[in-house]
Amino acid sequence: MSGRNLLDTNIVIALFAHDSAVVEHLDEAEEVFIPSIALGELYFGAHKSGRVKENLAHIDEFAVSNVVLGCDTETARYYGEIKKRTP
């Protein structure tokens, strides 16, 4: 998987767990992007974990070495529409 890659939370978790398929694909990537929402989900999970400091440090390191994409108004609107359909 070369080129540009947008990761979701599950892929980042797999990467952190050293999933060989994910690691192999991302090693070939030119750029890796992570949405700020996915980053927030990772921080949330870290705060609920038994290794808070270690997990927060791991996420911080990952965030600074990749491009974090922010949200805009259009993203927020879509989120609101999707969220209203979620029980």
PDB file of N, CA and C in Angstrom:
ATOM      1  N   MET A   1       0.859  -1.165   0.000  1.00  0.00           N
ATOM      2  CA  MET A   1       0.000   0.000   0.000  1.00  0.00           C
ATOM      3  C   MET A   1       0.908   1.231   0.000  1.00  0.00           C
ATOM      4  N   SER A   2       1.305   1.653  -1.159  1.00  0.00           N
ATOM      5  CA  SER A   2       2.149   2.841  -1.218  1.00  0.00           C
ATOM      6  C   SER A   2       1.287   4.067  -1.430  1.00  0.00           C
ATOM      7  N   GLY A   3       1.917   5.201  -1.483  1.00  0.00           N
ATOM      8  CA  GLY A   3       1.158   6.425  -1.691  1.00  0.00           C
ATOM      9  C   GLY A   3       0.689   7.020  -0.385  1.00  0.00           C
ATOM     10  N   ARG A   4      -0.513   7.582  -0.447  1.00  0.00           N
ATOM     11  CA  ARG A   4      -1.090   8.274   0.705  1.00  0.00           C
ATOM     12  C   ARG A   4      -2.137   7.378   1.355  1.00  0.00           C
ATOM     13  N   ASN A   5      -2.119   7.319   2.673  1.00  0.00           N
ATOM     14  CA  ASN A   5      -3.010   6.427   3.403  1.00  0.00           C
ATOM     15  C   ASN A   5      -3.712   7.164   4.529  1.00  0.00           C
ATOM     16  N   LEU A   6      -5.037   7.041   4.562  1.00  0.00           N
ATOM     17  CA  LEU A   6      -5.855   7.605   5.634  1.00  0.00           C
ATOM     18  C   LEU A   6      -6.247   6.457   6.552  1.00  0.00           C
ATOM     19  N   LEU A   7      -5.869   6.550   7.812  1.00  0.00           N
ATOM     20  CA  LEU A   7      -6.089   5.458   8.752  1.00  0.00           C
ATOM     21  C   LEU A   7      -7.293   5.722   9.636  1.00  0.00           C
ATOM     22  N   ASP A   8      -8.019   4.653   9.944  1.00  0.00           N
ATOM     23  CA  ASP A   8      -9.069   4.780  10.948  1.00  0.00           C
ATOM     24  C   ASP A   8      -8.544   4.212  12.261  1.00  0.00           C
ATOM     25  N   THR A   9      -9.336   4.333  13.288  1.00  0.00           N
ATOM     26  CA  THR A   9      -8.915   3.915  14.627  1.00  0.00           C
ATOM     27  C   THR A   9      -8.511   2.447  14.664  1.00  0.00           C
ATOM     28  N   ASN A  10      -9.289   1.586  14.024  1.00  0.00           N
ATOM     29  CA  ASN A  10      -8.996   0.148  14.058  1.00  0.00           C
ATOM     30  C   ASN A  10      -7.651  -0.186  13.415  1.00  0.00           C
ATOM     31  N   ILE A  11      -7.311   0.495  12.343  1.00  0.00           N
ATOM     32  CA  ILE A  11      -6.024   0.242  11.692  1.00  0.00           C
ATOM     33  C   ILE A  11      -4.874   0.711  12.580  1.00  0.00           C
ATOM     34  N   VAL A  12      -5.031   1.840  13.239  1.00  0.00           N
ATOM     35  CA  VAL A  12      -3.977   2.326  14.136  1.00  0.00           C
ATOM     36  C   VAL A  12      -3.795   1.354  15.301  1.00  0.00           C
ATOM     37  N   ILE A  13      -4.892   0.848  15.837  1.00  0.00           N
ATOM     38  CA  ILE A  13      -4.798  -0.138  16.923  1.00  0.00           C
ATOM     39  C   ILE A  13      -4.074  -1.386  16.433  1.00  0.00           C
ATOM     40  N   ALA A  14      -4.389  -1.831  15.218  1.00  0.00           N
ATOM     41  CA  ALA A  14      -3.696  -2.991  14.641  1.00  0.00           C
ATOM     42  C   ALA A  14      -2.211  -2.691  14.457  1.00  0.00           C
ATOM     43  N   LEU A  15      -1.900  -1.486  14.044  1.00  0.00           N
ATOM     44  CA  LEU A  15      -0.505  -1.078  13.896  1.00  0.00           C
ATOM     45  C   LEU A  15       0.205  -1.109  15.244  1.00  0.00           C
ATOM     46  N   PHE A  16      -0.436  -0.569  16.279  1.00  0.00           N
ATOM     47  CA  PHE A  16       0.143  -0.575  17.624  1.00  0.00           C
ATOM     48  C   PHE A  16       0.334  -2.001  18.148  1.00  0.00           C
ATOM     49  N   ALA A  17      -0.518  -2.923  17.690  1.00  0.00           N
ATOM     50  CA  ALA A  17      -0.422  -4.326  18.104  1.00  0.00           C
ATOM     51  C   ALA A  17       0.558  -5.106  17.222  1.00  0.00           C
ATOM     52  N   HIS A  18       1.239  -4.401  16.328  1.00  0.00           N
ATOM     53  CA  HIS A  18       2.241  -4.985  15.438  1.00  0.00           C
ATOM     54  C   HIS A  18       1.650  -6.015  14.478  1.00  0.00           C
ATOM     55  N   ASP A  19       0.429  -5.771  14.012  1.00  0.00           N
ATOM     56  CA  ASP A  19      -0.185  -6.628  12.994  1.00  0.00           C
ATOM     57  C   ASP A  19       0.717  -6.588  11.758  1.00  0.00           C
ATOM     58  N   SER A  20       1.265  -7.731  11.389  1.00  0.00           N
ATOM     59  CA  SER A  20       2.286  -7.757  10.337  1.00  0.00           C
ATOM     60  C   SER A  20       1.775  -7.248   8.993  1.00  0.00           C
ATOM     61  N   ALA A  21       0.542  -7.543   8.643  1.00  0.00           N
ATOM     62  CA  ALA A  21      -0.002  -7.073   7.363  1.00  0.00           C
ATOM     63  C   ALA A  21      -0.107  -5.551   7.344  1.00  0.00           C
ATOM     64  N   VAL A  22      -0.573  -4.975   8.442  1.00  0.00           N
ATOM     65  CA  VAL A  22      -0.717  -3.517   8.529  1.00  0.00           C
ATOM     66  C   VAL A  22       0.660  -2.857   8.528  1.00  0.00           C
ATOM     67  N   VAL A  23       1.567  -3.379   9.322  1.00  0.00           N
ATOM     68  CA  VAL A  23       2.919  -2.819   9.394  1.00  0.00           C
ATOM     69  C   VAL A  23       3.579  -2.851   8.020  1.00  0.00           C
ATOM     70  N   GLU A  24       3.463  -3.971   7.333  1.00  0.00           N
ATOM     71  CA  GLU A  24       4.077  -4.117   6.010  1.00  0.00           C
ATOM     72  C   GLU A  24       3.523  -3.093   5.019  1.00  0.00           C
ATOM     73  N   HIS A  25       2.215  -2.935   4.993  1.00  0.00           N
ATOM     74  CA  HIS A  25       1.602  -1.975   4.070  1.00  0.00           C
ATOM     75  C   HIS A  25       2.018  -0.541   4.395  1.00  0.00           C
ATOM     76  N   LEU A  26       2.015  -0.204   5.664  1.00  0.00           N
ATOM     77  CA  LEU A  26       2.319   1.177   6.040  1.00  0.00           C
ATOM     78  C   LEU A  26       3.803   1.506   5.922  1.00  0.00           C
ATOM     79  N   ASP A  27       4.657   0.489   5.984  1.00  0.00           N
ATOM     80  CA  ASP A  27       6.086   0.725   5.776  1.00  0.00           C
ATOM     81  C   ASP A  27       6.357   1.252   4.372  1.00  0.00           C
ATOM     82  N   GLU A  28       5.484   0.912   3.424  1.00  0.00           N
ATOM     83  CA  GLU A  28       5.641   1.341   2.036  1.00  0.00           C
ATOM     84  C   GLU A  28       4.948   2.672   1.748  1.00  0.00           C
ATOM     85  N   ALA A  29       4.224   3.205   2.705  1.00  0.00           N
ATOM     86  CA  ALA A  29       3.445   4.425   2.482  1.00  0.00           C
ATOM     87  C   ALA A  29       4.343   5.652   2.390  1.00  0.00           C
ATOM     88  N   GLU A  30       3.999   6.530   1.466  1.00  0.00           N
ATOM     89  CA  GLU A  30       4.710   7.799   1.352  1.00  0.00           C
ATOM     90  C   GLU A  30       4.246   8.775   2.426  1.00  0.00           C
ATOM     91  N   GLU A  31       2.934   8.801   2.661  1.00  0.00           N
ATOM     92  CA  GLU A  31       2.357   9.669   3.686  1.00  0.00           C
ATOM     93  C   GLU A  31       1.252   8.917   4.408  1.00  0.00           C
ATOM     94  N   VAL A  32       1.132   9.183   5.695  1.00  0.00           N
ATOM     95  CA  VAL A  32       0.073   8.584   6.501  1.00  0.00           C
ATOM     96  C   VAL A  32      -0.705   9.712   7.165  1.00  0.00           C
ATOM     97  N   PHE A  33      -2.024   9.634   7.042  1.00  0.00           N
ATOM     98  CA  PHE A  33      -2.915  10.636   7.618  1.00  0.00           C
ATOM     99  C   PHE A  33      -3.813   9.971   8.648  1.00  0.00           C
ATOM    100  N   ILE A  34      -4.111  10.701   9.703  1.00  0.00           N
ATOM    101  CA  ILE A  34      -5.061  10.215  10.698  1.00  0.00           C
ATOM    102  C   ILE A  34      -6.029  11.348  11.028  1.00  0.00           C
ATOM    103  N   PRO A  35      -7.323  11.062  10.962  1.00  0.00           N
ATOM    104  CA  PRO A  35      -8.300  12.096  11.316  1.00  0.00           C
ATOM    105  C   PRO A  35      -8.216  12.424  12.806  1.00  0.00           C
ATOM    106  N   SER A  36      -8.448  13.670  13.146  1.00  0.00           N
ATOM    107  CA  SER A  36      -8.398  14.068  14.554  1.00  0.00           C
ATOM    108  C   SER A  36      -9.417  13.298  15.387  1.00  0.00           C
ATOM    109  N   ILE A  37     -10.536  12.924  14.791  1.00  0.00           N
ATOM    110  CA  ILE A  37     -11.542  12.132  15.512  1.00  0.00           C
ATOM    111  C   ILE A  37     -10.967  10.770  15.901  1.00  0.00           C
ATOM    112  N   ALA A  38     -10.265  10.118  14.983  1.00  0.00           N
ATOM    113  CA  ALA A  38      -9.642   8.829  15.296  1.00  0.00           C
ATOM    114  C   ALA A  38      -8.594   8.999  16.388  1.00  0.00           C
ATOM    115  N   LEU A  39      -7.851  10.081  16.326  1.00  0.00           N
ATOM    116  CA  LEU A  39      -6.859  10.354  17.363  1.00  0.00           C
ATOM    117  C   LEU A  39      -7.541  10.526  18.716  1.00  0.00           C
ATOM    118  N   GLY A  40      -8.664  11.229  18.732  1.00  0.00           N
ATOM    119  CA  GLY A  40      -9.433  11.384  19.968  1.00  0.00           C
ATOM    120  C   GLY A  40      -9.912  10.055  20.514  1.00  0.00           C
ATOM    121  N   GLU A  41     -10.339   9.161  19.627  1.00  0.00           N
ATOM    122  CA  GLU A  41     -10.772   7.832  20.072  1.00  0.00           C
ATOM    123  C   GLU A  41      -9.608   7.069  20.688  1.00  0.00           C
ATOM    124  N   LEU A  42      -8.430   7.213  20.113  1.00  0.00           N
ATOM    125  CA  LEU A  42      -7.250   6.551  20.669  1.00  0.00           C
ATOM    126  C   LEU A  42      -6.908   7.099  22.052  1.00  0.00           C
ATOM    127  N   TYR A  43      -6.950   8.420  22.209  1.00  0.00           N
ATOM    128  CA  TYR A  43      -6.688   9.018  23.525  1.00  0.00           C
ATOM    129  C   TYR A  43      -7.728   8.565  24.550  1.00  0.00           C
ATOM    130  N   PHE A  44      -8.980   8.496  24.138  1.00  0.00           N
ATOM    131  CA  PHE A  44     -10.042   8.016  25.026  1.00  0.00           C
ATOM    132  C   PHE A  44      -9.724   6.598  25.500  1.00  0.00           C
ATOM    133  N   GLY A  45      -9.371   5.732  24.554  1.00  0.00           N
ATOM    134  CA  GLY A  45      -9.024   4.360  24.910  1.00  0.00           C
ATOM    135  C   GLY A  45      -7.820   4.287  25.831  1.00  0.00           C
ATOM    136  N   ALA A  46      -6.840   5.147  25.603  1.00  0.00           N
ATOM    137  CA  ALA A  46      -5.645   5.158  26.451  1.00  0.00           C
ATOM    138  C   ALA A  46      -5.995   5.525  27.884  1.00  0.00           C
ATOM    139  N   HIS A  47      -6.883   6.499  28.046  1.00  0.00           N
ATOM    140  CA  HIS A  47      -7.283   6.920  29.394  1.00  0.00           C
ATOM    141  C   HIS A  47      -8.071   5.838  30.124  1.00  0.00           C
ATOM    142  N   LYS A  48      -8.702   4.945  29.390  1.00  0.00           N
ATOM    143  CA  LYS A  48      -9.453   3.850  30.009  1.00  0.00           C
ATOM    144  C   LYS A  48      -8.593   2.608  30.229  1.00  0.00           C
ATOM    145  N   SER A  49      -7.375   2.629  29.743  1.00  0.00           N
ATOM    146  CA  SER A  49      -6.524   1.443  29.797  1.00  0.00           C
ATOM    147  C   SER A  49      -5.816   1.315  31.143  1.00  0.00           C
ATOM    148  N   GLY A  50      -5.162   0.204  31.312  1.00  0.00           N
ATOM    149  CA  GLY A  50      -4.380  -0.032  32.514  1.00  0.00           C
ATOM    150  C   GLY A  50      -2.975   0.537  32.430  1.00  0.00           C
ATOM    151  N   ARG A  51      -2.594   1.025  31.256  1.00  0.00           N
ATOM    152  CA  ARG A  51      -1.255   1.586  31.039  1.00  0.00           C
ATOM    153  C   ARG A  51      -1.391   2.974  30.432  1.00  0.00           C
ATOM    154  N   VAL A  52      -2.005   3.858  31.160  1.00  0.00           N
ATOM    155  CA  VAL A  52      -2.360   5.182  30.637  1.00  0.00           C
ATOM    156  C   VAL A  52      -1.132   5.930  30.118  1.00  0.00           C
ATOM    157  N   LYS A  53      -0.108   6.089  30.946  1.00  0.00           N
ATOM    158  CA  LYS A  53       1.061   6.881  30.552  1.00  0.00           C
ATOM    159  C   LYS A  53       1.746   6.312  29.316  1.00  0.00           C
ATOM    160  N   GLU A  54       1.933   5.003  29.296  1.00  0.00           N
ATOM    161  CA  GLU A  54       2.602   4.371  28.162  1.00  0.00           C
ATOM    162  C   GLU A  54       1.795   4.532  26.884  1.00  0.00           C
ATOM    163  N   ASN A  55       0.491   4.313  26.984  1.00  0.00           N
ATOM    164  CA  ASN A  55      -0.358   4.419  25.801  1.00  0.00           C
ATOM    165  C   ASN A  55      -0.454   5.856  25.296  1.00  0.00           C
ATOM    166  N   LEU A  56      -0.561   6.823  26.208  1.00  0.00           N
ATOM    167  CA  LEU A  56      -0.595   8.224  25.788  1.00  0.00           C
ATOM    168  C   LEU A  56       0.704   8.610  25.078  1.00  0.00           C
ATOM    169  N   ALA A  57       1.823   8.154  25.608  1.00  0.00           N
ATOM    170  CA  ALA A  57       3.116   8.452  24.982  1.00  0.00           C
ATOM    171  C   ALA A  57       3.203   7.837  23.587  1.00  0.00           C
ATOM    172  N   HIS A  58       2.706   6.627  23.444  1.00  0.00           N
ATOM    173  CA  HIS A  58       2.720   5.945  22.146  1.00  0.00           C
ATOM    174  C   HIS A  58       1.879   6.717  21.126  1.00  0.00           C
ATOM    175  N   ILE A  59       0.711   7.157  21.548  1.00  0.00           N
ATOM    176  CA  ILE A  59      -0.172   7.926  20.663  1.00  0.00           C
ATOM    177  C   ILE A  59       0.471   9.265  20.311  1.00  0.00           C
ATOM    178  N   ASP A  60       1.050   9.938  21.295  1.00  0.00           N
ATOM    179  CA  ASP A  60       1.720  11.220  21.041  1.00  0.00           C
ATOM    180  C   ASP A  60       2.819  11.065  19.993  1.00  0.00           C
ATOM    181  N   GLU A  61       3.619  10.028  20.144  1.00  0.00           N
ATOM    182  CA  GLU A  61       4.712   9.768  19.201  1.00  0.00           C
ATOM    183  C   GLU A  61       4.163   9.513  17.797  1.00  0.00           C
ATOM    184  N   PHE A  62       3.097   8.735  17.720  1.00  0.00           N
ATOM    185  CA  PHE A  62       2.467   8.439  16.433  1.00  0.00           C
ATOM    186  C   PHE A  62       1.923   9.717  15.795  1.00  0.00           C
ATOM    187  N   ALA A  63       1.281  10.552  16.595  1.00  0.00           N
ATOM    188  CA  ALA A  63       0.649  11.768  16.079  1.00  0.00           C
ATOM    189  C   ALA A  63       1.673  12.740  15.498  1.00  0.00           C
ATOM    190  N   VAL A  64       2.812  12.890  16.150  1.00  0.00           N
ATOM    191  CA  VAL A  64       3.797  13.851  15.648  1.00  0.00           C
ATOM    192  C   VAL A  64       4.536  13.343  14.412  1.00  0.00           C
ATOM    193  N   SER A  65       4.515  12.043  14.184  1.00  0.00           N
ATOM    194  CA  SER A  65       5.231  11.499  13.028  1.00  0.00           C
ATOM    195  C   SER A  65       4.321  11.299  11.812  1.00  0.00           C
ATOM    196  N   ASN A  66       3.052  11.684  11.923  1.00  0.00           N
ATOM    197  CA  ASN A  66       2.102  11.561  10.819  1.00  0.00           C
ATOM    198  C   ASN A  66       1.280  12.840  10.711  1.00  0.00           C
ATOM    199  N   VAL A  67       0.515  12.948   9.654  1.00  0.00           N
ATOM    200  CA  VAL A  67      -0.304  14.137   9.431  1.00  0.00           C
ATOM    201  C   VAL A  67      -1.666  13.935  10.081  1.00  0.00           C
ATOM    202  N   VAL A  68      -2.017  14.812  11.021  1.00  0.00           N
ATOM    203  CA  VAL A  68      -3.325  14.752  11.682  1.00  0.00           C
ATOM    204  C   VAL A  68      -4.254  15.710  10.945  1.00  0.00           C
ATOM    205  N   LEU A  69      -5.386  15.175  10.479  1.00  0.00           N
ATOM    206  CA  LEU A  69      -6.358  15.969   9.737  1.00  0.00           C
ATOM    207  C   LEU A  69      -7.429  16.498  10.673  1.00  0.00           C
ATOM    208  N   GLY A  70      -7.653  17.789  10.620  1.00  0.00           N
ATOM    209  CA  GLY A  70      -8.677  18.410  11.450  1.00  0.00           C
ATOM    210  C   GLY A  70     -10.056  18.294  10.828  1.00  0.00           C
ATOM    211  N   CYS A  71     -11.030  18.741  11.567  1.00  0.00           N
ATOM    212  CA  CYS A  71     -12.418  18.725  11.103  1.00  0.00           C
ATOM    213  C   CYS A  71     -12.807  20.113  10.621  1.00  0.00           C
ATOM    214  N   ASP A  72     -13.709  20.138   9.664  1.00  0.00           N
ATOM    215  CA  ASP A  72     -14.269  21.405   9.226  1.00  0.00           C
ATOM    216  C   ASP A  72     -15.783  21.362   9.430  1.00  0.00           C
ATOM    217  N   THR A  73     -16.458  22.397   9.028  1.00  0.00           N
ATOM    218  CA  THR A  73     -17.903  22.475   9.230  1.00  0.00           C
ATOM    219  C   THR A  73     -18.631  21.350   8.518  1.00  0.00           C
ATOM    220  N   GLU A  74     -18.204  21.041   7.313  1.00  0.00           N
ATOM    221  CA  GLU A  74     -18.861  19.965   6.564  1.00  0.00           C
ATOM    222  C   GLU A  74     -18.719  18.631   7.289  1.00  0.00           C
ATOM    223  N   THR A  75     -17.536  18.364   7.817  1.00  0.00           N
ATOM    224  CA  THR A  75     -17.316  17.136   8.576  1.00  0.00           C
ATOM    225  C   THR A  75     -18.226  17.094   9.793  1.00  0.00           C
ATOM    226  N   ALA A  76     -18.322  18.194  10.499  1.00  0.00           N
ATOM    227  CA  ALA A  76     -19.175  18.256  11.689  1.00  0.00           C
ATOM    228  C   ALA A  76     -20.638  18.011  11.332  1.00  0.00           C
ATOM    229  N   ARG A  77     -21.091  18.548  10.224  1.00  0.00           N
ATOM    230  CA  ARG A  77     -22.481  18.321   9.797  1.00  0.00           C
ATOM    231  C   ARG A  77     -22.732  16.849   9.500  1.00  0.00           C
ATOM    232  N   TYR A  78     -21.806  16.233   8.760  1.00  0.00           N
ATOM    233  CA  TYR A  78     -21.960  14.807   8.470  1.00  0.00           C
ATOM    234  C   TYR A  78     -21.964  13.987   9.757  1.00  0.00           C
ATOM    235  N   TYR A  79     -21.091  14.337  10.672  1.00  0.00           N
ATOM    236  CA  TYR A  79     -21.050  13.641  11.954  1.00  0.00           C
ATOM    237  C   TYR A  79     -22.404  13.725  12.643  1.00  0.00           C
ATOM    238  N   GLY A  80     -22.987  14.916  12.681  1.00  0.00           N
ATOM    239  CA  GLY A  80     -24.293  15.095  13.315  1.00  0.00           C
ATOM    240  C   GLY A  80     -25.370  14.250  12.663  1.00  0.00           C
ATOM    241  N   GLU A  81     -25.347  14.169  11.336  1.00  0.00           N
ATOM    242  CA  GLU A  81     -26.335  13.361  10.623  1.00  0.00           C
ATOM    243  C   GLU A  81     -26.165  11.875  10.927  1.00  0.00           C
ATOM    244  N   ILE A  82     -24.940  11.432  10.939  1.00  0.00           N
ATOM    245  CA  ILE A  82     -24.670  10.016  11.221  1.00  0.00           C
ATOM    246  C   ILE A  82     -24.994   9.690  12.671  1.00  0.00           C
ATOM    247  N   LYS A  83     -24.599  10.550  13.574  1.00  0.00           N
ATOM    248  CA  LYS A  83     -24.806  10.309  15.007  1.00  0.00           C
ATOM    249  C   LYS A  83     -26.282  10.213  15.360  1.00  0.00           C
ATOM    250  N   LYS A  84     -27.139  10.992  14.704  1.00  0.00           N
ATOM    251  CA  LYS A  84     -28.570  10.945  15.032  1.00  0.00           C
ATOM    252  C   LYS A  84     -29.180   9.590  14.687  1.00  0.00           C
ATOM    253  N   ARG A  85     -28.537   8.841  13.789  1.00  0.00           N
ATOM    254  CA  ARG A  85     -29.032   7.517  13.401  1.00  0.00           C
ATOM    255  C   ARG A  85     -28.461   6.406  14.269  1.00  0.00           C
ATOM    256  N   THR A  86     -27.557   6.759  15.164  1.00  0.00           N
ATOM    257  CA  THR A  86     -26.908   5.768  16.013  1.00  0.00           C
ATOM    258  C   THR A  86     -27.613   5.711  17.364  1.00  0.00           C
ATOM    259  N   PRO A  87     -28.056   4.499  17.752  1.00  0.00           N
ATOM    260  CA  PRO A  87     -28.758   4.389  19.053  1.00  0.00           C
ATOM    261  C   PRO A  87     -27.864   4.692  20.233  1.00  0.00           C
TER     262      PRO A  87
END
